[in-house]
Protein backbone atom coordinates (compact mmCIF):
# COMPACT_ATOMS: atom_id res chain seq x y z
CA UNK A 1 86.82 -0.32 140.40
CA UNK A 2 87.65 -0.99 144.02
CA UNK A 3 85.51 -2.61 146.69
CA UNK A 4 84.35 0.70 148.20
CA UNK A 5 83.12 1.90 144.80
CA UNK A 6 81.19 -1.34 144.22
CA UNK A 7 79.60 -1.15 147.65
CA UNK A 8 78.70 2.50 147.10
CA UNK A 9 77.00 1.68 143.81
CA UNK A 10 75.03 -1.13 145.47
CA UNK A 11 73.87 1.21 148.24
CA UNK A 12 72.89 3.86 145.70
CA UNK A 13 70.86 1.32 143.73
CA UNK A 14 69.10 0.21 146.91
CA UNK A 15 68.19 3.85 147.58
CA UNK A 16 66.68 4.21 144.11
CA UNK A 17 64.59 1.07 144.63
CA UNK A 18 63.43 2.23 148.06
CA UNK A 19 62.41 5.58 146.59
CA UNK A 20 60.47 3.93 143.77
CA UNK A 21 58.66 1.61 146.17
CA UNK A 22 57.79 4.48 148.53
CA UNK A 23 56.44 6.59 145.64
CA UNK A 24 54.33 3.66 144.46
CA UNK A 25 52.93 3.22 147.99
CA UNK A 26 52.17 6.95 148.27
CA UNK A 27 50.35 6.83 144.96
CA UNK A 28 48.24 3.90 146.18
CA UNK A 29 47.49 5.67 149.46
CA UNK A 30 46.35 8.78 147.61
CA UNK A 31 44.13 6.74 145.28
CA UNK A 32 42.53 5.04 148.29
CA UNK A 33 41.93 8.42 149.94
CA UNK A 34 40.36 9.78 146.74
CA UNK A 35 38.02 6.79 146.62
CA UNK A 36 37.05 7.45 150.25
CA UNK A 37 36.33 11.08 149.38
CA UNK A 38 38.99 12.57 151.64
CA UNK A 39 39.31 16.34 151.27
CA UNK A 40 43.14 16.34 151.04
CA UNK A 41 44.13 12.93 149.63
CA UNK A 42 47.87 13.73 149.66
CA UNK A 43 47.96 14.17 153.44
CA UNK A 44 49.47 11.01 154.99
CA UNK A 45 47.47 11.52 158.22
CA UNK A 46 44.23 10.71 156.37
CA UNK A 47 44.68 6.96 156.77
């Protein structure tokens, strides 16, 4: 495996982590909106 392949794998792994963190945050935002009684809890503008 050459250096470019290793760096590509590292960048791909970072992307997976970023996606997981963002999904976790979205889930928390939706839960908070549900608790507040927002009509459309999945809408990010309901903050």
